[in-house]
Structures are given as structure tokens and as C-alpha cells.
Amino acid sequence: MGNEHSQAYRRVSETWPDADFEPVLVHVVDNVPSVAETTARRWRYARWSTDWRSVIDDPEVEVVDITGPNGLHREVALAAAAAGKHVGCEKPLGRSAAEAAEIAAAVAGAGLQSNCNFQYRHNPAVQYVRQLVSGGNLGEITHVRAVFLTDYGWSPEGPFAWRFDAQTAGWGALGDIGSHTIDLLELLAGPVHEVVGSTASFVAEREHQPVTNEDYASAVLRFVSGALGTFEVSRASAGPKDAFRVAGHGTRGAFEWDSERMNELQVFEMSGDEAADGYRRLVMGPSHPWYGRFCPGAGSGLAWHDMTVISMYLFLRGIAGGEPTETDFQRASQVAAVLSAIQSSHTTRAWTTVGTSTVSTRTM
């Protein structure tokens, strides 16, 4: 993800030549010297080192972007805030809701800008759905569903990595891909009020080391608006590669989006003619949000990397203009609160209110 963020910052100026700011890559760190040196050369950083504190102490650095393992997020973010530097971070912001809230409060309290890289929300198709929802084209949203299935952890023969260790990563599938899933659901249906959830681990051990966080999570969601939703994420599903699928239904229409076909969208808008009503396939083009910055003609399509470019542009634009981005650390903390409620509900086997982890009287 360090490479992902670096290429995104490099591409901001070429994608927005009209921007009144320009990112300068100053200092990159990796604990493996050869990786740090190669990364600096590849993305043309001014210098590199192997201790993250050297970035905090560098007087030329104004923005610290954290792409290390989750266990480093809190320490680096708090140090950056104390040094008066704006902070970007990969998701999840913290290893728990409490850790995310602490980070968000420290950065906001220091009067600094922040950004958590929820890049999927910046896809032109997703932003177009957002326009349809806010414009009332689909009526009142009554129910939504989201599934994010991946296969990187399905085989017991796969290698052990920090993502499988609760001490380093915190959540497993919940934090890794559930963060994106909740962010997108709340973007389109509003904040989640309460949940009833379940989690599971399918692979107990990798390379003779125990797996200590969840491979899978699911939940029923009740939104503040009264809408209902379902949520399912897995890092251990044989077959899917990056199957992030979000759909919603309203009183006047519906939508379906699949990240594996991220440049198209299925939309149904009630026409009044029952014989003609039905889903239609929309292919993204320059008339849809952000698309024209990347492709001159419809149907060419954006890539996953392009969504991160948008994320970093919005972050830097917010810093330059003194305005917070929609995906600031407060937003990331709210996502973490929903994830925490799902995890808590699994333990108590009861409905759990987001933000309080208190259990209602209605049981499973």
C-alpha cells in the first residue's frame, strides 16, 4: 500500500493540472533497507530511511501517510499529530473502535486534516448511485445488501502474515474488507443504528502459528433511517478475487454494483410503464463523477489505482483549502464503531447499538 499511495500522489498533478497545490514526495520509510531504497528511487522521494520517527522529525514533511501494519497506526498517527502534521492512513484506522476514536480525537484536537483511504466510495458508478439516492430517483431506500468476498486466506496452506494476528491487526476480515463495506453502505443508506452479527474463523493455524482473528463476518443492520441491510465479508472464500457487491432497493427504484465489473452499473428507475420497467445496464463515461479526469471516452474504464488517486486528491485539496474530507478520521472512527458492534453482537448473541455496545432487550 505504500507503493499504491505513492503512485497516487505522483498522479495527482497530472490528473488535476488545474489544482492550486502540488504534492512533493519527501521521505519514505520501510524497516527493510533495500525496500526503502528501491521505493524512494521508484517514486522519486528525496530521501529514505528505516525508522518511521525520521519522517515525523523531518521539517520538510507536512503530511504523514501511514501504510504500515495496523499495529503501527496509533503510535505513528499520535506522533504526527503531536508534531503538527496532517495525517493520512490506510484502513482500518485502529485495531479497535476505542483506538480509532483516540486517533481521530488527537488529530482533530490538534486542528489537523486527516484521510482514511476508503477508495471504493470514489468509483464513478458508486458516486452516480449516490446522486440517484440523494436526488430521490430511487425513492426512499428500504433495504440494502453488501457482500465482500476474497480468497487470500481460504487455503490452510497459505503463508502466515500479520493480518492473521489479532495483536498486530486487531480485526481480521472485519477491519480489512469490512471497513470498505460499512463505509459504502453508510454512504448510500446513512448511519447504522444497531446490528446483530456473527463471526467465524475457518483456518485455525497457518505455518504452525495460530490465527487469532476472524476469517468471516455477517450481520443484519438497522439504519437510523429505518432501512434494513445485510452485510457479509470473508477473506476465506475459494473462488472470488475481489467480489465487492453492493445493492439497494427503494420505493421507486434499485441499483446493483459489482467491483469486479466496476465500470458498469445496474439501475432500475420506476417509469410508470409496468411492461417496460426493469434494470438497465449503464456503462460509465465522462458524464459520470470523476470519470473524465481519467478517460476521454465512455466504456474505457477506470482501474482500482485510479480510485486511490481520487482519494489522495481530495485529501490534499482539503488540506490546501482548510476543509476536512468526507473520509476523515471521524468517518473512519464511525466505521470502526459499527465493526465493534458486530463483533460485540457475536459475543452476546443479541442486537447491539452502534457506538455504545449496549445490548437491547431483543435477542437473537
Protein backbone atom coordinates (compact mmCIF):
# COMPACT_ATOMS: atom_id res chain seq x y z
CA MET A 1 0.00 0.00 0.00
CA GLY A 2 2.99 2.30 0.35
CA ASN A 3 3.55 1.91 -3.39
CA GLU A 4 -0.18 2.37 -4.01
CA HIS A 5 -0.31 5.66 -2.13
CA SER A 6 2.98 6.86 -3.62
CA GLN A 7 1.84 6.36 -7.22
CA ALA A 8 -1.44 8.09 -6.37
CA TYR A 9 0.32 11.19 -5.04
CA ARG A 10 2.55 11.21 -8.13
CA ARG A 11 -0.50 11.15 -10.39
CA VAL A 12 -2.47 13.90 -8.65
CA SER A 13 -0.84 16.76 -10.57
CA GLU A 14 -1.16 15.09 -13.97
CA THR A 15 -4.80 14.25 -13.32
CA TRP A 16 -5.67 17.68 -11.87
CA PRO A 17 -3.29 20.10 -13.62
CA ASP A 18 -5.68 22.89 -12.59
CA ALA A 19 -5.19 22.22 -8.87
CA ASP A 20 -3.66 25.03 -6.81
CA PHE A 21 -1.35 22.62 -4.96
CA GLU A 22 1.26 20.04 -5.90
CA PRO A 23 2.36 17.10 -3.76
CA VAL A 24 6.11 16.65 -3.19
CA LEU A 25 7.35 13.23 -2.08
CA VAL A 26 9.90 13.99 0.61
CA HIS A 27 10.69 10.99 2.80
CA VAL A 28 9.79 7.29 2.65
CA VAL A 29 10.40 4.67 5.34
CA ASP A 30 10.43 0.89 5.38
CA ASN A 31 12.01 -1.32 8.01
CA VAL A 32 13.76 -3.29 5.23
CA PRO A 33 16.55 -1.04 3.88
CA SER A 34 16.51 -2.43 0.34
CA VAL A 35 12.75 -1.89 0.10
CA ALA A 36 13.02 1.68 1.38
CA GLU A 37 15.80 2.48 -1.09
CA THR A 38 14.00 0.90 -4.04
CA THR A 39 10.75 2.65 -3.20
CA ALA A 40 12.48 6.02 -2.93
CA ARG A 41 14.08 5.53 -6.33
CA ARG A 42 10.90 4.27 -7.95
CA TRP A 43 8.68 7.15 -6.83
CA ARG A 44 11.44 9.80 -6.64
CA TYR A 45 11.34 10.53 -2.92
CA ALA A 46 14.02 12.99 -1.82
CA ARG A 47 15.28 10.55 0.83
CA TRP A 48 14.59 7.29 2.62
CA SER A 49 15.24 5.70 6.00
CA THR A 50 14.24 2.71 8.13
CA ASP A 51 12.74 4.39 11.21
CA TRP A 52 9.30 5.99 10.93
CA ARG A 53 10.27 8.59 13.53
CA SER A 54 12.61 10.15 10.99
CA VAL A 55 9.58 11.12 8.90
CA ILE A 56 7.92 12.75 11.91
CA ASP A 57 11.13 14.65 12.69
CA ASP A 58 11.71 15.77 9.10
CA PRO A 59 10.98 19.53 8.97
CA GLU A 60 10.09 19.37 5.26
CA VAL A 61 7.31 16.83 5.80
CA GLU A 62 3.86 18.43 6.20
CA VAL A 63 1.72 15.33 5.65
CA VAL A 64 2.39 11.87 7.11
CA ASP A 65 0.73 8.96 5.27
CA ILE A 66 0.60 5.68 7.22
CA THR A 67 0.56 2.44 5.22
CA GLY A 68 2.22 0.10 7.68
CA PRO A 69 0.58 -2.76 9.61
CA ASN A 70 -2.43 -1.82 11.75
CA GLY A 71 -0.43 -2.14 14.96
CA LEU A 72 1.62 0.92 13.97
CA HIS A 73 -1.28 3.23 13.13
CA ARG A 74 -1.91 4.59 16.61
CA GLU A 75 1.69 5.31 17.55
CA VAL A 76 2.57 6.96 14.24
CA ALA A 77 -0.66 8.96 14.00
CA LEU A 78 -0.39 10.33 17.54
CA ALA A 79 3.25 11.29 16.97
CA ALA A 80 2.37 13.03 13.70
CA ALA A 81 -0.48 14.93 15.35
CA ALA A 82 1.79 16.00 18.21
CA ALA A 83 4.28 17.29 15.63
CA GLY A 84 1.55 19.31 13.87
CA LYS A 85 1.50 17.26 10.67
CA HIS A 86 -1.65 16.28 8.75
CA VAL A 87 -2.25 12.53 8.72
CA GLY A 88 -3.47 10.01 6.16
CA CYS A 89 -3.89 6.34 6.98
CA GLU A 90 -4.93 3.05 5.46
CA LYS A 91 -7.99 1.31 6.87
CA PRO A 92 -8.81 0.25 9.48
CA LEU A 93 -7.76 3.36 11.35
CA GLY A 94 -7.24 1.42 14.59
CA ARG A 95 -7.23 -2.15 15.84
CA SER A 96 -10.41 -1.43 17.78
CA ALA A 97 -13.13 1.21 17.94
CA ALA A 98 -11.50 2.72 21.03
CA GLU A 99 -8.14 3.02 19.27
CA ALA A 100 -9.74 4.60 16.20
CA ALA A 101 -11.62 7.10 18.35
CA GLU A 102 -8.42 8.02 20.20
CA ILE A 103 -6.57 8.66 16.93
CA ALA A 104 -9.44 10.69 15.49
CA ALA A 105 -9.73 12.83 18.61
CA ALA A 106 -5.98 13.54 18.74
CA VAL A 107 -5.78 14.65 15.10
CA ALA A 108 -8.97 16.73 15.27
CA GLY A 109 -7.90 18.25 18.60
CA ALA A 110 -4.66 19.40 17.00
CA GLY A 111 -6.63 21.17 14.25
CA LEU A 112 -5.17 18.94 11.53
CA GLN A 113 -6.68 17.35 8.42
CA SER A 114 -6.93 13.59 8.02
CA ASN A 115 -7.92 10.96 5.49
CA CYS A 116 -8.66 7.24 5.66
CA ASN A 117 -8.35 5.56 2.27
CA PHE A 118 -11.91 4.35 1.63
CA GLN A 119 -11.19 4.42 -2.09
CA TYR A 120 -14.12 2.28 -3.28
CA ARG A 121 -16.57 5.08 -2.50
CA HIS A 122 -14.84 7.24 -5.13
CA ASN A 123 -15.71 4.92 -8.02
CA PRO A 124 -17.78 6.84 -10.62
CA ALA A 125 -20.55 4.22 -10.54
CA VAL A 126 -20.83 4.45 -6.74
CA GLN A 127 -20.87 8.24 -6.85
CA TYR A 128 -23.56 8.13 -9.53
CA VAL A 129 -25.69 5.89 -7.29
CA ARG A 130 -25.15 8.41 -4.53
CA GLN A 131 -26.53 11.11 -6.81
CA LEU A 132 -29.58 8.98 -7.64
CA VAL A 133 -30.26 8.33 -3.95
CA SER A 134 -29.81 11.95 -2.85
CA GLY A 135 -31.90 13.16 -5.79
CA GLY A 136 -34.80 10.92 -4.85
CA ASN A 137 -34.70 8.98 -8.12
CA LEU A 138 -34.91 5.67 -6.26
CA GLY A 139 -37.39 6.90 -3.68
CA GLU A 140 -36.85 6.11 -0.01
CA ILE A 141 -34.24 3.41 0.48
CA THR A 142 -35.86 0.49 2.28
CA HIS A 143 -33.14 -2.15 2.27
CA VAL A 144 -29.54 -2.64 1.13
CA ARG A 145 -27.13 -5.55 0.99
CA ALA A 146 -23.37 -5.79 0.65
CA VAL A 147 -21.02 -8.73 0.21
CA PHE A 148 -17.22 -8.55 0.01
CA LEU A 149 -15.67 -11.96 -0.66
CA THR A 150 -11.97 -12.58 -1.24
CA ASP A 151 -9.80 -15.68 -1.43
CA TYR A 152 -6.46 -14.57 0.00
CA GLY A 153 -7.00 -16.57 3.20
CA TRP A 154 -9.02 -19.55 2.10
CA SER A 155 -6.24 -22.14 1.89
CA PRO A 156 -4.71 -23.55 5.10
CA GLU A 157 -1.51 -23.97 3.09
CA GLY A 158 -1.17 -20.23 2.62
CA PRO A 159 1.53 -18.26 4.46
CA PHE A 160 1.07 -16.67 7.86
CA ALA A 161 1.08 -12.86 7.76
CA TRP A 162 0.45 -10.07 10.24
CA ARG A 163 -3.17 -9.76 9.06
CA PHE A 164 -3.93 -13.09 10.78
CA ASP A 165 -2.64 -11.91 14.18
CA ALA A 166 -5.10 -10.03 16.42
CA GLN A 167 -2.29 -8.36 18.37
CA THR A 168 -0.93 -6.70 15.23
CA ALA A 169 -4.01 -6.38 13.05
CA GLY A 170 -6.89 -6.17 15.51
CA TRP A 171 -9.85 -7.30 13.47
CA GLY A 172 -9.41 -9.80 10.64
CA ALA A 173 -11.88 -9.70 7.76
CA LEU A 174 -13.95 -7.09 9.61
CA GLY A 175 -11.18 -4.50 9.61
CA ASP A 176 -9.59 -5.42 6.31
CA ILE A 177 -12.58 -5.54 3.96
CA GLY A 178 -15.47 -4.89 6.33
CA SER A 179 -14.25 -1.29 6.67
CA HIS A 180 -14.89 -0.62 2.99
CA THR A 181 -18.20 -2.44 3.12
CA ILE A 182 -19.64 -0.46 6.03
CA ASP A 183 -18.34 2.81 4.60
CA LEU A 184 -20.15 2.19 1.31
CA LEU A 185 -23.38 1.08 2.96
CA GLU A 186 -23.44 4.18 5.16
CA LEU A 187 -22.55 6.40 2.21
CA LEU A 188 -25.71 5.22 0.41
CA ALA A 189 -28.13 4.44 3.24
CA GLY A 190 -26.99 6.67 6.10
CA PRO A 191 -25.61 5.74 9.53
CA VAL A 192 -26.15 2.32 11.05
CA HIS A 193 -28.08 2.37 14.34
CA GLU A 194 -27.92 -1.24 15.54
CA VAL A 195 -26.71 -4.63 14.40
CA VAL A 196 -26.93 -8.30 15.11
CA GLY A 197 -23.85 -10.11 13.87
CA SER A 198 -21.77 -13.23 13.78
CA THR A 199 -18.13 -14.01 13.05
CA ALA A 200 -16.19 -17.20 12.30
CA SER A 201 -12.67 -18.50 11.75
CA PHE A 202 -12.26 -21.26 9.19
CA VAL A 203 -8.48 -21.72 9.29
CA ALA A 204 -7.14 -22.17 12.81
CA GLU A 205 -3.43 -22.33 12.01
CA ARG A 206 -1.01 -21.22 9.31
CA GLU A 207 2.61 -22.31 9.14
CA HIS A 208 2.26 -23.67 12.70
CA GLN A 209 1.12 -20.29 14.02
CA PRO A 210 -2.40 -19.72 15.38
CA VAL A 211 -4.83 -17.46 13.52
CA THR A 212 -6.28 -15.19 16.21
CA ASN A 213 -8.87 -13.08 14.38
CA GLU A 214 -11.89 -13.76 12.20
CA ASP A 215 -11.96 -15.01 8.60
CA TYR A 216 -15.64 -14.21 8.16
CA ALA A 217 -18.36 -11.90 9.48
CA SER A 218 -22.00 -11.29 8.71
CA ALA A 219 -24.70 -9.06 10.15
CA VAL A 220 -28.21 -7.72 9.85
CA LEU A 221 -28.16 -3.92 10.05
CA ARG A 222 -30.83 -1.44 11.04
CA PHE A 223 -30.10 2.10 9.86
CA VAL A 224 -31.08 5.33 11.61
CA SER A 225 -33.45 5.97 8.69
CA GLY A 226 -35.32 2.75 9.44
CA ALA A 227 -33.90 0.94 6.42
CA LEU A 228 -32.63 -2.60 6.87
CA GLY A 229 -29.50 -4.19 5.45
CA THR A 230 -27.35 -7.29 5.30
CA PHE A 231 -23.57 -7.46 5.47
CA GLU A 232 -21.18 -10.33 4.70
CA VAL A 233 -17.39 -10.30 4.38
CA SER A 234 -14.88 -13.11 4.01
CA ARG A 235 -11.17 -13.44 3.35
CA ALA A 236 -11.53 -17.23 3.10
CA SER A 237 -13.90 -17.79 0.17
CA ALA A 238 -12.49 -20.05 -2.53
CA GLY A 239 -13.12 -18.57 -5.96
CA PRO A 240 -13.83 -14.84 -5.63
CA LYS A 241 -10.89 -12.48 -6.11
CA ASP A 242 -12.28 -9.07 -5.18
CA ALA A 243 -16.03 -9.64 -5.17
CA PHE A 244 -17.37 -6.48 -3.55
CA ARG A 245 -21.07 -6.31 -4.40
CA VAL A 246 -23.47 -3.66 -3.16
CA ALA A 247 -27.17 -3.37 -3.96
CA GLY A 248 -30.08 -1.33 -2.69
CA HIS A 249 -33.81 -1.04 -3.13
CA GLY A 250 -36.06 1.97 -2.71
CA THR A 251 -39.70 2.83 -3.12
CA ARG A 252 -39.11 3.95 -6.71
CA GLY A 253 -36.06 2.04 -7.92
CA ALA A 254 -32.98 -0.04 -7.22
CA PHE A 255 -29.29 -0.46 -8.06
CA GLU A 256 -26.60 -3.15 -8.16
CA TRP A 257 -22.81 -2.67 -8.38
CA ASP A 258 -20.02 -5.24 -8.50
CA SER A 259 -16.37 -4.20 -8.05
CA GLU A 260 -15.22 -6.96 -10.40
CA ARG A 261 -17.20 -5.08 -13.08
CA MET A 262 -16.54 -1.70 -11.52
CA ASN A 263 -17.17 0.40 -14.62
CA GLU A 264 -20.79 -0.58 -15.03
CA LEU A 265 -23.94 -0.36 -13.00
CA GLN A 266 -27.39 -1.94 -12.98
CA VAL A 267 -30.12 0.63 -12.28
CA PHE A 268 -33.90 0.39 -12.11
CA GLU A 269 -35.98 3.55 -12.01
CA MET A 270 -39.78 3.26 -11.99
CA SER A 271 -41.17 4.63 -15.24
CA GLY A 272 -44.88 4.12 -14.74
CA ASP A 273 -44.98 1.66 -17.62
CA GLU A 274 -45.03 -1.76 -16.00
CA ALA A 275 -44.31 -3.53 -19.26
CA ALA A 276 -41.14 -1.52 -19.77
CA ASP A 277 -39.89 -1.40 -16.18
CA GLY A 278 -36.69 -3.26 -15.35
CA TYR A 279 -32.98 -2.93 -14.74
CA ARG A 280 -30.81 -1.25 -17.34
CA ARG A 281 -27.05 -1.58 -17.67
CA LEU A 282 -25.13 1.69 -17.54
CA VAL A 283 -21.54 1.88 -18.75
CA MET A 284 -19.56 4.65 -17.10
CA GLY A 285 -18.32 7.60 -19.12
CA PRO A 286 -17.20 11.25 -18.84
CA SER A 287 -20.71 12.32 -17.79
CA HIS A 288 -20.32 10.37 -14.54
CA PRO A 289 -18.42 11.69 -11.47
CA TRP A 290 -14.60 11.82 -11.78
CA TYR A 291 -14.51 9.61 -14.90
CA GLY A 292 -13.49 12.35 -17.35
CA ARG A 293 -10.30 13.04 -15.39
CA PHE A 294 -9.03 9.60 -16.36
CA CYS A 295 -10.65 8.52 -19.65
CA PRO A 296 -11.84 10.63 -22.61
CA GLY A 297 -14.50 8.18 -23.79
CA ALA A 298 -17.21 6.06 -22.24
CA GLY A 299 -16.55 2.37 -21.77
CA SER A 300 -12.75 2.61 -21.43
CA GLY A 301 -12.98 2.22 -17.66
CA LEU A 302 -11.13 3.22 -14.52
CA ALA A 303 -8.86 0.90 -12.55
CA TRP A 304 -8.55 0.25 -8.82
CA HIS A 305 -5.46 2.51 -8.69
CA ASP A 306 -7.48 5.44 -10.05
CA MET A 307 -9.83 5.42 -7.08
CA THR A 308 -6.85 5.91 -4.77
CA VAL A 309 -5.72 8.87 -6.89
CA ILE A 310 -9.11 10.48 -6.25
CA SER A 311 -8.80 9.74 -2.54
CA MET A 312 -5.41 11.44 -2.30
CA TYR A 313 -6.53 14.39 -4.41
CA LEU A 314 -9.48 15.04 -2.10
CA PHE A 315 -7.23 14.75 0.95
CA LEU A 316 -4.71 17.27 -0.37
CA ARG A 317 -7.47 19.57 -1.63
CA GLY A 318 -8.88 19.57 1.88
CA ILE A 319 -5.52 20.47 3.37
CA ALA A 320 -4.98 23.26 0.84
CA GLY A 321 -8.45 24.64 1.42
CA GLY A 322 -8.58 24.08 5.16
CA GLU A 323 -11.65 21.85 4.90
CA PRO A 324 -11.99 18.25 6.14
CA THR A 325 -12.58 15.48 3.64
CA GLU A 326 -15.61 13.22 3.88
CA THR A 327 -13.28 10.33 4.69
CA ASP A 328 -11.51 11.96 7.61
CA PHE A 329 -10.65 10.10 10.81
CA GLN A 330 -14.02 10.93 12.33
CA ARG A 331 -15.58 8.99 9.47
CA ALA A 332 -13.13 6.12 9.99
CA SER A 333 -13.98 6.09 13.69
CA GLN A 334 -17.69 5.78 12.91
CA VAL A 335 -16.96 2.80 10.64
CA ALA A 336 -14.92 1.22 13.45
CA ALA A 337 -17.84 1.68 15.84
CA VAL A 338 -20.08 -0.36 13.53
CA LEU A 339 -17.44 -3.10 13.22
CA SER A 340 -17.11 -3.17 17.01
CA ALA A 341 -20.88 -3.55 17.40
CA ILE A 342 -20.90 -6.51 15.01
CA GLN A 343 -18.08 -8.15 16.94
CA SER A 344 -19.80 -7.47 20.27
CA SER A 345 -23.10 -8.84 18.98
CA HIS A 346 -21.41 -12.11 18.10
CA THR A 347 -20.28 -12.45 21.71
CA THR A 348 -23.61 -11.52 23.31
CA ARG A 349 -25.83 -13.08 20.64
CA ALA A 350 -28.09 -10.03 20.77
CA TRP A 351 -28.86 -6.76 18.97
CA THR A 352 -26.18 -4.18 19.73
CA THR A 353 -26.43 -0.42 19.39
CA VAL A 354 -23.60 1.21 17.45
CA GLY A 355 -21.35 3.45 19.49
CA THR A 356 -22.41 2.20 22.90
CA SER A 357 -22.02 -1.60 22.61
CA THR A 358 -25.10 -1.84 24.82
CA VAL A 359 -27.44 -4.70 24.13
CA SER A 360 -31.14 -4.24 23.56
CA THR A 361 -33.79 -6.49 25.06
CA ARG A 362 -34.50 -8.13 21.69
CA THR A 363 -32.39 -11.25 21.42
CA MET A 364 -31.47 -13.49 18.54
